C-alpha atoms as a PDB file:
ATOM      1  CA  MET A   1      -9.652 189.027 -30.690  1.00  0.00           C
ATOM      2  CA  ILE A   2      -7.409 189.125 -27.472  1.00  0.00           C
ATOM      3  CA  ALA A   3     -10.015 192.067 -26.504  1.00  0.00           C
ATOM      4  CA  ALA A   4     -12.951 189.489 -26.904  1.00  0.00           C
ATOM      5  CA  MET A   5     -11.028 186.463 -25.365  1.00  0.00           C
ATOM      6  CA  ALA A   6     -10.671 188.890 -22.391  1.00  0.00           C
ATOM      7  CA  ARG A   7     -14.534 189.433 -22.462  1.00  0.00           C
ATOM      8  CA  TRP A   8     -15.161 186.153 -22.278  1.00  0.00           C
ATOM      9  CA  ASN A   9     -13.048 184.829 -20.009  1.00  0.00           C
ATOM     10  CA  GLU A  10     -14.207 187.598 -17.725  1.00  0.00           C
ATOM     11  CA  TRP A  11     -17.559 186.559 -18.119  1.00  0.00           C
ATOM     12  CA  LEU A  12     -16.901 182.636 -17.126  1.00  0.00           C
ATOM     13  CA  GLU A  13     -14.868 183.902 -14.069  1.00  0.00           C
ATOM     14  CA  ALA A  14     -17.997 185.672 -13.608  1.00  0.00           C
ATOM     15  CA  ARG A  15     -19.872 182.677 -13.749  1.00  0.00           C
ATOM     16  CA  PHE A  16     -17.802 180.099 -12.408  1.00  0.00           C
ATOM     17  CA  THR A  17     -19.392 178.916  -9.423  1.00  0.00           C
ATOM     18  CA  TRP A  18     -22.311 177.778 -11.570  1.00  0.00           C
ATOM     19  CA  LEU A  19     -20.165 176.112 -13.269  1.00  0.00           C
ATOM     20  CA  ILE A  20     -18.360 174.303 -11.064  1.00  0.00           C
ATOM     21  CA  LEU A  21     -22.149 173.258  -9.544  1.00  0.00           C
ATOM     22  CA  ALA A  22     -22.329 172.134 -13.590  1.00  0.00           C
ATOM     23  CA  SER A  23     -19.185 170.239 -13.869  1.00  0.00           C
ATOM     24  CA  LEU A  24     -19.782 168.484 -10.197  1.00  0.00           C
ATOM     25  CA  ALA A  25     -23.320 167.756 -11.231  1.00  0.00           C
ATOM     26  CA  LEU A  26     -22.189 166.223 -15.111  1.00  0.00           C
ATOM     27  CA  GLY A  27     -19.751 163.832 -12.824  1.00  0.00           C
ATOM     28  CA  LEU A  28     -22.613 162.372 -10.114  1.00  0.00           C
ATOM     29  CA  LEU A  29     -24.881 161.848 -12.942  1.00  0.00           C
ATOM     30  CA  ASN A  30     -22.387 159.989 -15.149  1.00  0.00           C
ATOM     31  CA  PRO A  31     -20.493 157.965 -12.695  1.00  0.00           C
ATOM     32  CA  GLY A  32     -19.054 156.189 -15.486  1.00  0.00           C
ATOM     33  CA  LEU A  33     -16.903 159.064 -15.963  1.00  0.00           C
ATOM     34  CA  ALA A  34     -14.395 157.822 -13.501  1.00  0.00           C
ATOM     35  CA  ARG A  35     -12.820 155.183 -16.066  1.00  0.00           C
ATOM     36  CA  VAL A  36     -11.002 158.397 -17.032  1.00  0.00           C
ATOM     37  CA  VAL A  37      -8.630 159.195 -14.081  1.00  0.00           C
ATOM     38  CA  ALA A  38      -5.686 157.667 -15.608  1.00  0.00           C
ATOM     39  CA  VAL A  39      -5.886 161.091 -17.607  1.00  0.00           C
ATOM     40  CA  ALA A  40      -6.122 163.634 -14.629  1.00  0.00           C
ATOM     41  CA  PRO A  41      -2.434 163.957 -14.146  1.00  0.00           C
ATOM     42  CA  TYR A  42      -1.444 165.369 -17.456  1.00  0.00           C
ATOM     43  CA  PHE A  43      -4.424 167.405 -17.060  1.00  0.00           C
ATOM     44  CA  ILE A  44      -2.672 168.708 -13.391  1.00  0.00           C
ATOM     45  CA  ALA A  45       0.736 169.122 -15.531  1.00  0.00           C
ATOM     46  CA  VAL A  46      -1.006 171.333 -17.968  1.00  0.00           C
ATOM     47  CA  ILE A  47      -2.973 173.135 -15.430  1.00  0.00           C
ATOM     48  CA  MET A  48       0.563 173.916 -13.819  1.00  0.00           C
ATOM     49  CA  PHE A  49       2.581 174.742 -16.627  1.00  0.00           C
ATOM     50  CA  LEU A  50      -0.199 177.425 -18.042  1.00  0.00           C
ATOM     51  CA  VAL A  51       0.103 178.703 -13.956  1.00  0.00           C
ATOM     52  CA  ALA A  52       3.663 179.257 -14.445  1.00  0.00           C
ATOM     53  CA  LEU A  53       3.580 180.748 -17.594  1.00  0.00           C
ATOM     54  CA  ARG A  54       2.086 183.661 -16.016  1.00  0.00           C
ATOM     55  CA  CYS A  55       4.226 183.505 -12.882  1.00  0.00           C
ATOM     56  CA  ARG A  56       7.654 185.798 -13.289  1.00  0.00           C
ATOM     57  CA  MET A  57      10.991 184.806 -11.643  1.00  0.00           C
ATOM     58  CA  ALA A  58      11.565 188.534 -11.139  1.00  0.00           C
ATOM     59  CA  ASP A  59       9.235 187.987  -8.242  1.00  0.00           C
ATOM     60  CA  VAL A  60      10.616 185.205  -6.939  1.00  0.00           C
ATOM     61  CA  VAL A  61      13.913 187.142  -6.930  1.00  0.00           C
ATOM     62  CA  ARG A  62      12.298 190.110  -5.276  1.00  0.00           C
ATOM     63  CA  ALA A  63      11.062 187.703  -2.739  1.00  0.00           C
ATOM     64  CA  LEU A  64      14.752 186.942  -1.677  1.00  0.00           C
ATOM     65  CA  ARG A  65      15.235 190.811  -0.582  1.00  0.00           C
ATOM     66  CA  SER A  66      12.295 190.930   1.982  1.00  0.00           C
ATOM     67  CA  PRO A  67      12.923 187.737   3.379  1.00  0.00           C
ATOM     68  CA  GLY A  68      11.322 188.643   6.714  1.00  0.00           C
ATOM     69  CA  LYS A  69       8.270 188.994   4.898  1.00  0.00           C
ATOM     70  CA  ILE A  70       8.520 186.125   2.743  1.00  0.00           C
ATOM     71  CA  GLY A  71       9.438 184.000   5.483  1.00  0.00           C
ATOM     72  CA  LEU A  72       6.019 185.609   7.453  1.00  0.00           C
ATOM     73  CA  LEU A  73       4.278 184.182   4.164  1.00  0.00           C
ATOM     74  CA  LEU A  74       5.874 180.586   4.331  1.00  0.00           C
ATOM     75  CA  SER A  75       4.739 180.290   7.883  1.00  0.00           C
ATOM     76  CA  LEU A  76       1.124 181.443   7.335  1.00  0.00           C
ATOM     77  CA  VAL A  77       0.658 179.342   3.790  1.00  0.00           C
ATOM     78  CA  TYR A  78       2.884 175.882   5.253  1.00  0.00           C
ATOM     79  CA  LEU A  79       2.755 176.043   9.123  1.00  0.00           C
ATOM     80  CA  VAL A  80       0.118 178.269  10.837  1.00  0.00           C
ATOM     81  CA  MET A  81      -2.536 177.128   8.344  1.00  0.00           C
ATOM     82  CA  PRO A  82      -2.239 173.588   8.523  1.00  0.00           C
ATOM     83  CA  PHE A  83      -2.320 173.340  11.684  1.00  0.00           C
ATOM     84  CA  PHE A  84      -5.398 175.155  11.840  1.00  0.00           C
ATOM     85  CA  ALA A  85      -7.399 172.674   9.652  1.00  0.00           C
ATOM     86  CA  TRP A  86      -5.477 170.222  11.616  1.00  0.00           C
ATOM     87  CA  THR A  87      -6.921 171.735  15.006  1.00  0.00           C
ATOM     88  CA  ILE A  88     -10.476 171.906  13.457  1.00  0.00           C
ATOM     89  CA  ALA A  89     -10.386 168.202  11.509  1.00  0.00           C
ATOM     90  CA  ARG A  90      -9.198 166.650  14.876  1.00  0.00           C
ATOM     91  CA  GLY A  91     -12.321 168.792  16.585  1.00  0.00           C
ATOM     92  CA  PHE A  92     -15.411 168.163  13.503  1.00  0.00           C
ATOM     93  CA  LEU A  93     -14.080 164.949  11.436  1.00  0.00           C
ATOM     94  CA  SER A  94     -12.309 162.681  13.798  1.00  0.00           C
ATOM     95  CA  HIS A  95     -14.900 159.949  13.104  1.00  0.00           C
ATOM     96  CA  GLU A  96     -13.955 160.041   9.382  1.00  0.00           C
ATOM     97  CA  PRO A  97     -10.146 160.068   8.955  1.00  0.00           C
ATOM     98  CA  ARG A  98     -10.134 160.489   5.255  1.00  0.00           C
ATOM     99  CA  LEU A  99     -12.000 163.463   5.571  1.00  0.00           C
ATOM    100  CA  ALA A 100     -10.310 165.275   8.243  1.00  0.00           C
ATOM    101  CA  ALA A 101      -6.898 164.626   6.335  1.00  0.00           C
ATOM    102  CA  GLY A 102      -8.550 166.445   3.666  1.00  0.00           C
ATOM    103  CA  LEU A 103      -8.981 169.325   5.208  1.00  0.00           C
ATOM    104  CA  VAL A 104      -5.231 169.206   6.157  1.00  0.00           C
ATOM    105  CA  LEU A 105      -4.570 168.643   2.237  1.00  0.00           C
ATOM    106  CA  ILE A 106      -6.253 171.999   1.169  1.00  0.00           C
ATOM    107  CA  ASN A 107      -4.211 173.674   3.652  1.00  0.00           C
ATOM    108  CA  SER A 108      -0.979 172.031   2.335  1.00  0.00           C
ATOM    109  CA  LEU A 109      -1.413 173.371  -1.341  1.00  0.00           C
ATOM    110  CA  PRO A 110       0.279 176.071  -3.293  1.00  0.00           C
ATOM    111  CA  VAL A 111      -1.281 179.427  -3.691  1.00  0.00           C
ATOM    112  CA  ALA A 112      -4.280 179.549  -5.589  1.00  0.00           C
ATOM    113  CA  ALA A 113      -3.071 181.953  -9.154  1.00  0.00           C
ATOM    114  CA  THR A 114      -6.326 184.151  -8.337  1.00  0.00           C
ATOM    115  CA  CYS A 115      -4.914 185.239  -4.969  1.00  0.00           C
ATOM    116  CA  SER A 116      -2.891 187.877  -7.047  1.00  0.00           C
ATOM    117  CA  MET A 117      -6.110 188.824  -8.992  1.00  0.00           C
ATOM    118  CA  TRP A 118      -8.317 189.540  -6.149  1.00  0.00           C
ATOM    119  CA  ALA A 119      -5.070 190.924  -3.952  1.00  0.00           C
ATOM    120  CA  GLY A 120      -5.608 193.912  -6.943  1.00  0.00           C
ATOM    121  CA  ILE A 121      -9.022 194.778  -6.355  1.00  0.00           C
ATOM    122  CA  ALA A 122      -8.683 194.768  -3.187  1.00  0.00           C
ATOM    123  CA  GLY A 123      -6.119 197.455  -3.051  1.00  0.00           C
ATOM    124  CA  GLY A 124      -3.639 194.575  -1.789  1.00  0.00           C
ATOM    125  CA  ASP A 125       0.268 194.360  -3.033  1.00  0.00           C
ATOM    126  CA  LEU A 126       0.641 193.125  -6.632  1.00  0.00           C
ATOM    127  CA  ALA A 127       3.884 191.989  -6.726  1.00  0.00           C
ATOM    128  CA  LEU A 128       3.558 190.227  -3.322  1.00  0.00           C
ATOM    129  CA  GLY A 129       0.561 188.320  -4.692  1.00  0.00           C
ATOM    130  CA  LEU A 130       2.347 187.435  -7.795  1.00  0.00           C
ATOM    131  CA  THR A 131       5.677 186.314  -5.698  1.00  0.00           C
ATOM    132  CA  ALA A 132       3.223 184.001  -3.418  1.00  0.00           C
ATOM    133  CA  VAL A 133       1.865 182.220  -6.164  1.00  0.00           C
ATOM    134  CA  SER A 134       5.312 182.152  -7.753  1.00  0.00           C
ATOM    135  CA  LEU A 135       7.047 181.018  -4.982  1.00  0.00           C
ATOM    136  CA  THR A 136       4.744 178.481  -3.213  1.00  0.00           C
ATOM    137  CA  THR A 137       3.770 176.807  -7.059  1.00  0.00           C
ATOM    138  CA  LEU A 138       7.917 176.235  -7.648  1.00  0.00           C
ATOM    139  CA  LEU A 139       8.242 174.814  -3.152  1.00  0.00           C
ATOM    140  CA  SER A 140       4.895 172.768  -3.682  1.00  0.00           C
ATOM    141  CA  GLY A 141       6.283 169.186  -5.204  1.00  0.00           C
ATOM    142  CA  LEU A 142       8.527 169.229  -1.849  1.00  0.00           C
ATOM    143  CA  ALA A 143       6.518 171.581   0.876  1.00  0.00           C
ATOM    144  CA  THR A 144       2.807 169.606   0.450  1.00  0.00           C
ATOM    145  CA  PRO A 145       4.693 166.037   0.750  1.00  0.00           C
ATOM    146  CA  ALA A 146       6.444 168.231   4.126  1.00  0.00           C
ATOM    147  CA  VAL A 147       3.272 169.504   5.341  1.00  0.00           C
ATOM    148  CA  LEU A 148       1.264 166.444   5.159  1.00  0.00           C
ATOM    149  CA  ALA A 149       3.656 164.591   6.751  1.00  0.00           C
ATOM    150  CA  LEU A 150       3.910 166.580   9.955  1.00  0.00           C
ATOM    151  CA  PHE A 151       0.127 166.915  10.001  1.00  0.00           C
ATOM    152  CA  ILE A 152      -2.176 163.624   8.808  1.00  0.00           C
ATOM    153  CA  GLY A 153       0.565 161.113   9.649  1.00  0.00           C
ATOM    154  CA  THR A 154      -1.654 160.919  12.530  1.00  0.00           C
ATOM    155  CA  MET A 155      -4.601 160.557  10.971  1.00  0.00           C
ATOM    156  CA  ILE A 156      -4.182 158.108   7.742  1.00  0.00           C
ATOM    157  CA  ASP A 157      -0.795 155.596   7.070  1.00  0.00           C
ATOM    158  CA  PHE A 158       0.844 157.801   4.476  1.00  0.00           C
ATOM    159  CA  ASP A 159       4.006 157.638   2.622  1.00  0.00           C
ATOM    160  CA  PRO A 160       5.454 160.659   1.348  1.00  0.00           C
ATOM    161  CA  GLY A 161       7.951 159.261  -0.847  1.00  0.00           C
ATOM    162  CA  PRO A 162       5.559 157.988  -3.702  1.00  0.00           C
ATOM    163  CA  LEU A 163       3.670 161.252  -3.743  1.00  0.00           C
ATOM    164  CA  MET A 164       6.980 163.270  -3.846  1.00  0.00           C
ATOM    165  CA  ARG A 165       7.818 161.355  -7.007  1.00  0.00           C
ATOM    166  CA  GLY A 166       4.725 161.842  -8.554  1.00  0.00           C
ATOM    167  CA  LEU A 167       4.697 165.260  -7.992  1.00  0.00           C
ATOM    168  CA  PHE A 168       7.854 165.909  -9.626  1.00  0.00           C
ATOM    169  CA  TRP A 169       6.700 165.100 -12.655  1.00  0.00           C
ATOM    170  CA  THR A 170       3.070 166.522 -12.381  1.00  0.00           C
ATOM    171  CA  VAL A 171       3.869 169.926 -11.179  1.00  0.00           C
ATOM    172  CA  MET A 172       7.721 170.318 -10.463  1.00  0.00           C
ATOM    173  CA  ILE A 173       8.714 170.021 -13.719  1.00  0.00           C
ATOM    174  CA  PRO A 174       5.758 171.500 -15.828  1.00  0.00           C
ATOM    175  CA  VAL A 175       6.366 174.536 -13.633  1.00  0.00           C
ATOM    176  CA  ALA A 176      10.066 174.893 -14.287  1.00  0.00           C
ATOM    177  CA  LEU A 177       9.285 174.252 -17.879  1.00  0.00           C
ATOM    178  CA  GLY A 178       6.629 176.956 -17.408  1.00  0.00           C
ATOM    179  CA  LEU A 179       8.710 179.526 -15.925  1.00  0.00           C
ATOM    180  CA  MET A 180      11.400 178.935 -18.462  1.00  0.00           C
ATOM    181  CA  VAL A 181       8.933 179.409 -21.313  1.00  0.00           C
ATOM    182  CA  GLY A 182       7.082 182.155 -19.393  1.00  0.00           C
ATOM    183  CA  GLU A 183      10.598 184.149 -19.437  1.00  0.00           C
ATOM    184  CA  ARG A 184      11.409 183.711 -22.869  1.00  0.00           C
ATOM    185  CA  ARG A 185       8.500 184.752 -24.154  1.00  0.00           C
ATOM    186  CA  ARG A 186       6.893 187.483 -22.000  1.00  0.00           C
ATOM    187  CA  ALA A 187       6.226 189.313 -24.731  1.00  0.00           C
ATOM    188  CA  PHE A 188       3.807 186.526 -26.054  1.00  0.00           C
ATOM    189  CA  VAL A 189       2.051 185.446 -22.481  1.00  0.00           C
ATOM    190  CA  ASP A 190       1.674 188.943 -21.172  1.00  0.00           C
ATOM    191  CA  ARG A 191      -0.047 189.480 -24.710  1.00  0.00           C
ATOM    192  CA  HIS A 192      -1.758 186.548 -24.962  1.00  0.00           C
ATOM    193  CA  GLY A 193      -2.738 186.518 -21.070  1.00  0.00           C
ATOM    194  CA  PRO A 194      -6.824 185.938 -21.868  1.00  0.00           C
ATOM    195  CA  GLN A 195      -6.021 182.822 -23.601  1.00  0.00           C
ATOM    196  CA  ILE A 196      -4.217 181.321 -20.916  1.00  0.00           C
ATOM    197  CA  GLY A 197      -6.402 182.155 -18.479  1.00  0.00           C
ATOM    198  CA  LEU A 198      -9.406 180.686 -20.948  1.00  0.00           C
ATOM    199  CA  LEU A 199      -7.559 177.306 -21.282  1.00  0.00           C
ATOM    200  CA  ILE A 200      -6.963 176.786 -17.612  1.00  0.00           C
ATOM    201  CA  LYS A 201     -10.642 176.749 -17.135  1.00  0.00           C
ATOM    202  CA  PRO A 202     -11.698 173.560 -19.444  1.00  0.00           C
ATOM    203  CA  PHE A 203      -8.661 171.245 -17.429  1.00  0.00           C
ATOM    204  CA  MET A 204      -9.968 172.559 -13.933  1.00  0.00           C
ATOM    205  CA  LEU A 205     -13.971 172.316 -14.744  1.00  0.00           C
ATOM    206  CA  SER A 206     -12.686 168.785 -16.054  1.00  0.00           C
ATOM    207  CA  MET A 207     -10.908 167.621 -13.091  1.00  0.00           C
ATOM    208  CA  LEU A 208     -14.216 168.386 -10.940  1.00  0.00           C
ATOM    209  CA  VAL A 209     -16.000 166.128 -13.204  1.00  0.00           C
ATOM    210  CA  ILE A 210     -13.521 163.318 -12.737  1.00  0.00           C
ATOM    211  CA  ASN A 211     -13.736 163.865  -8.945  1.00  0.00           C
ATOM    212  CA  ALA A 212     -17.321 164.197  -9.050  1.00  0.00           C
ATOM    213  CA  ALA A 213     -17.947 160.428 -10.927  1.00  0.00           C
ATOM    214  CA  LEU A 214     -15.291 158.881  -8.506  1.00  0.00           C
ATOM    215  CA  LEU A 215     -16.914 160.348  -5.468  1.00  0.00           C
ATOM    216  CA  VAL A 216     -20.443 158.779  -6.262  1.00  0.00           C
ATOM    217  CA  PRO A 217     -19.540 155.422  -4.111  1.00  0.00           C
ATOM    218  CA  TYR A 218     -18.851 157.232  -1.331  1.00  0.00           C
ATOM    219  CA  LEU A 219     -21.801 159.774  -1.157  1.00  0.00           C
ATOM    220  CA  ALA A 220     -24.076 156.705  -1.285  1.00  0.00           C
ATOM    221  CA  GLY A 221     -22.880 155.629   2.180  1.00  0.00           C
ATOM    222  CA  LEU A 222     -22.654 159.502   3.072  1.00  0.00           C
ATOM    223  CA  PRO A 223     -26.210 160.628   4.988  1.00  0.00           C
ATOM    224  CA  PRO A 224     -26.864 163.881   3.821  1.00  0.00           C
ATOM    225  CA  LEU A 225     -26.316 165.570   6.982  1.00  0.00           C
ATOM    226  CA  GLU A 226     -23.134 164.216   7.407  1.00  0.00           C
ATOM    227  CA  LEU A 227     -22.344 166.055   4.072  1.00  0.00           C
ATOM    228  CA  VAL A 228     -23.945 169.648   5.730  1.00  0.00           C
ATOM    229  CA  ARG A 229     -21.888 169.174   8.712  1.00  0.00           C
ATOM    230  CA  LEU A 230     -18.621 168.699   6.468  1.00  0.00           C
ATOM    231  CA  TYR A 231     -19.511 171.647   4.515  1.00  0.00           C
ATOM    232  CA  LEU A 232     -20.605 173.845   7.357  1.00  0.00           C
ATOM    233  CA  VAL A 233     -16.977 172.538   8.974  1.00  0.00           C
ATOM    234  CA  VAL A 234     -14.717 173.517   5.503  1.00  0.00           C
ATOM    235  CA  PHE A 235     -16.756 176.654   5.771  1.00  0.00           C
ATOM    236  CA  LEU A 236     -15.736 177.314   8.860  1.00  0.00           C
ATOM    237  CA  GLN A 237     -11.984 176.761   8.704  1.00  0.00           C
ATOM    238  CA  MET A 238     -11.936 179.386   5.655  1.00  0.00           C
ATOM    239  CA  MET A 239     -13.482 182.198   7.607  1.00  0.00           C
ATOM    240  CA  GLY A 240     -10.986 181.084  10.683  1.00  0.00           C
ATOM    241  CA  GLY A 241      -8.465 181.045   7.821  1.00  0.00           C
ATOM    242  CA  TYR A 242      -9.050 184.459   6.975  1.00  0.00           C
ATOM    243  CA  LEU A 243      -9.505 185.994  10.749  1.00  0.00           C
ATOM    244  CA  LEU A 244      -6.343 184.592  11.502  1.00  0.00           C
ATOM    245  CA  GLY A 245      -4.357 185.990   8.485  1.00  0.00           C
ATOM    246  CA  PHE A 246      -5.967 189.195   9.493  1.00  0.00           C
ATOM    247  CA  ALA A 247      -5.197 189.206  12.976  1.00  0.00           C
ATOM    248  CA  ILE A 248      -1.728 188.018  12.729  1.00  0.00           C
ATOM    249  CA  THR A 249      -0.383 190.294   9.983  1.00  0.00           C
ATOM    250  CA  THR A 250      -2.576 193.295  11.944  1.00  0.00           C
ATOM    251  CA  LEU A 251      -0.710 192.574  15.143  1.00  0.00           C
ATOM    252  CA  LEU A 252       2.940 192.518  13.731  1.00  0.00           C
ATOM    253  CA  GLY A 253       2.147 195.944  12.342  1.00  0.00           C
ATOM    254  CA  LEU A 254       1.994 194.915   8.362  1.00  0.00           C
ATOM    255  CA  ASP A 255       0.146 197.670   6.317  1.00  0.00           C
ATOM    256  CA  TYR A 256      -3.267 196.822   4.520  1.00  0.00           C
ATOM    257  CA  ALA A 257      -1.641 195.966   1.296  1.00  0.00           C
ATOM    258  CA  ALA A 258       0.548 193.413   3.126  1.00  0.00           C
ATOM    259  CA  SER A 259      -2.098 192.647   5.241  1.00  0.00           C
ATOM    260  CA  ILE A 260      -5.115 191.737   2.889  1.00  0.00           C
ATOM    261  CA  THR A 261      -2.377 190.206  -0.041  1.00  0.00           C
ATOM    262  CA  MET A 262      -1.351 187.827   2.670  1.00  0.00           C
ATOM    263  CA  THR A 263      -4.223 187.159   3.783  1.00  0.00           C
ATOM    264  CA  TYR A 264      -5.771 186.093   0.365  1.00  0.00           C
ATOM    265  CA  ALA A 265      -2.478 184.062   0.082  1.00  0.00           C
ATOM    266  CA  ALA A 266      -3.131 181.796   3.424  1.00  0.00           C
ATOM    267  CA  THR A 267      -6.667 181.259   2.514  1.00  0.00           C
ATOM    268  CA  MET A 268      -6.563 180.563  -0.945  1.00  0.00           C
ATOM    269  CA  ARG A 269      -5.506 177.096  -2.181  1.00  0.00           C
ATOM    270  CA  ASN A 270      -4.857 175.384  -5.860  1.00  0.00           C
ATOM    271  CA  ASN A 271      -7.683 172.925  -5.640  1.00  0.00           C
ATOM    272  CA  GLY A 272      -7.194 171.167  -8.806  1.00  0.00           C
ATOM    273  CA  ALA A 273      -4.157 169.931  -7.145  1.00  0.00           C
ATOM    274  CA  GLY A 274      -5.710 169.557  -4.182  1.00  0.00           C
ATOM    275  CA  ILE A 275      -7.609 166.967  -6.004  1.00  0.00           C
ATOM    276  CA  LEU A 276      -5.217 165.108  -8.224  1.00  0.00           C
ATOM    277  CA  ILE A 277      -3.511 164.449  -5.023  1.00  0.00           C
ATOM    278  CA  ALA A 278      -6.566 163.004  -3.189  1.00  0.00           C
ATOM    279  CA  VAL A 279      -7.669 160.933  -6.118  1.00  0.00           C
ATOM    280  CA  SER A 280      -3.881 159.839  -7.176  1.00  0.00           C
ATOM    281  CA  TYR A 281      -2.659 158.781  -3.872  1.00  0.00           C
ATOM    282  CA  PHE A 282      -5.248 158.540  -1.062  1.00  0.00           C
ATOM    283  CA  SER A 283      -9.153 158.317  -1.932  1.00  0.00           C
ATOM    284  CA  PRO A 284     -11.483 160.208  -3.922  1.00  0.00           C
ATOM    285  CA  LEU A 285     -13.435 160.921  -0.437  1.00  0.00           C
ATOM    286  CA  MET A 286     -10.522 162.699   0.919  1.00  0.00           C
ATOM    287  CA  ALA A 287     -11.175 165.250  -1.875  1.00  0.00           C
ATOM    288  CA  LEU A 288     -14.572 165.836  -0.690  1.00  0.00           C
ATOM    289  CA  PRO A 289     -13.661 168.236   1.396  1.00  0.00           C
ATOM    290  CA  ILE A 290     -11.345 170.131  -1.358  1.00  0.00           C
ATOM    291  CA  THR A 291     -14.172 169.633  -3.855  1.00  0.00           C
ATOM    292  CA  LEU A 292     -16.174 171.680  -1.173  1.00  0.00           C
ATOM    293  CA  ASN A 293     -13.743 174.321  -1.017  1.00  0.00           C
ATOM    294  CA  THR A 294     -13.277 175.247  -4.156  1.00  0.00           C
ATOM    295  CA  LEU A 295     -17.694 175.924  -4.693  1.00  0.00           C
ATOM    296  CA  ILE A 296     -17.063 178.484  -1.507  1.00  0.00           C
ATOM    297  CA  GLN A 297     -13.359 179.824  -2.496  1.00  0.00           C
ATOM    298  CA  GLN A 298     -13.839 182.342  -5.357  1.00  0.00           C
ATOM    299  CA  PRO A 299     -17.377 183.872  -3.651  1.00  0.00           C
ATOM    300  CA  ILE A 300     -15.428 184.547  -0.248  1.00  0.00           C
ATOM    301  CA  ALA A 301     -13.199 185.839  -1.683  1.00  0.00           C
ATOM    302  CA  SER A 302     -14.770 188.274  -3.711  1.00  0.00           C
ATOM    303  CA  THR A 303     -16.895 189.808  -0.496  1.00  0.00           C
ATOM    304  CA  ILE A 304     -14.426 189.419   2.560  1.00  0.00           C
ATOM    305  CA  TYR A 305     -11.899 192.149   1.872  1.00  0.00           C
ATOM    306  CA  LYS A 306     -15.263 194.881   1.586  1.00  0.00           C
ATOM    307  CA  PHE A 307     -15.412 193.938   5.594  1.00  0.00           C
ATOM    308  CA  TYR A 308     -12.101 194.099   6.421  1.00  0.00           C
ATOM    309  CA  ARG A 309     -10.633 197.086   4.207  1.00  0.00           C
ATOM    310  CA  PRO A 310     -12.943 199.618   6.375  1.00  0.00           C
ATOM    311  CA  TRP A 311     -12.821 198.164   9.563  1.00  0.00           C
ATOM    312  CA  ARG A 312      -8.792 198.349   9.024  1.00  0.00           C
ATOM    313  CA  ALA A 313      -9.116 202.286   8.031  1.00  0.00           C
ATOM    314  CA  ARG A 314     -11.031 202.776  10.938  1.00  0.00           C
ATOM    315  CA  ARG A 315      -7.988 201.356  13.469  1.00  0.00           C
ATOM    316  CA  ASP A 316      -5.239 203.257  11.632  1.00  0.00           C
ATOM    317  CA  GLY A 317      -7.623 206.437  11.610  1.00  0.00           C
ATOM    318  CA  ARG A 318      -7.998 205.571  15.783  1.00  0.00           C
ATOM    319  CA  LEU A 319      -4.052 204.572  15.923  1.00  0.00           C
ATOM    320  CA  ARG A 320      -3.241 208.118  13.908  1.00  0.00           C
ATOM    321  CA  SER A 321      -5.616 210.394  16.815  1.00  0.00           C
ATOM    322  CA  LEU A 322      -3.916 208.643  19.287  1.00  0.00           C
ATOM    323  CA  GLY A 323      -0.488 209.369  18.346  1.00  0.00           C
ATOM    324  CA  GLY A 324      -1.468 212.423  17.378  1.00  0.00           C
ATOM    325  CA  ALA A 325      -2.171 213.183  21.143  1.00  0.00           C
END
């Protein structure tokens, strides 16, 4: 049964982009589904609980033993990338502050759970990837409002108080419970990892359906060329984020495993949480960049290391040759 669930989970992950598109289409074709938006906070609480189940306190403790590396990771996640997104938003989306703020919101979110998966596939530091997911998920109730207050206060009116109170119940409490249950039932969680992964997906897809239904009135007044423009801007911020991550970690002398993992952590974010925050505390239009980010995050993650790994190998080989000379 567990093996079958694992295969089913892998099958869904391989086709997740198409499932995302189908969910968006369902919401766009059925705007009446927006009426169930009240369940969104409960969905995100369940998602965060299930994500936290698979995190390990040992990863957080390990992080405290490498303060320099973790300091760099958190700086990339919560300072460098939000500032980069803010710069792009001011340059390309200043005509619509809510879209600009949505681009910044993407880069204030905790690291996506799939970061550790791609880090492992790419030959990265799996422990560091798990640490990034665990630590940023744990900090998100405070870090996300702080980053938003710092960067989007110049774009839209924003009071971080209600957001912090909301995230306390929908993120921090479920994460704390998930960590506690995961630690107490570690063998069970490890054995049933595929089932947990499967449980997360319906809630994520449901969030996308609700978000798409909420977007219908806004999209009706959005010219098609503006949507294409926004897609290109979201793509630019993601590719720019990867390049920044590669450049900074390489210049600081990190080995390939740490470099690729930190780059994934800095660029891959928990989009489901972002959609909830946008819909619940701001505007459905602010969720549009996050929705587009959801479409491209996994496909780009699956290909980016194939370009970086050969380049890094050639670079490291040249440096060794120069050192030997």
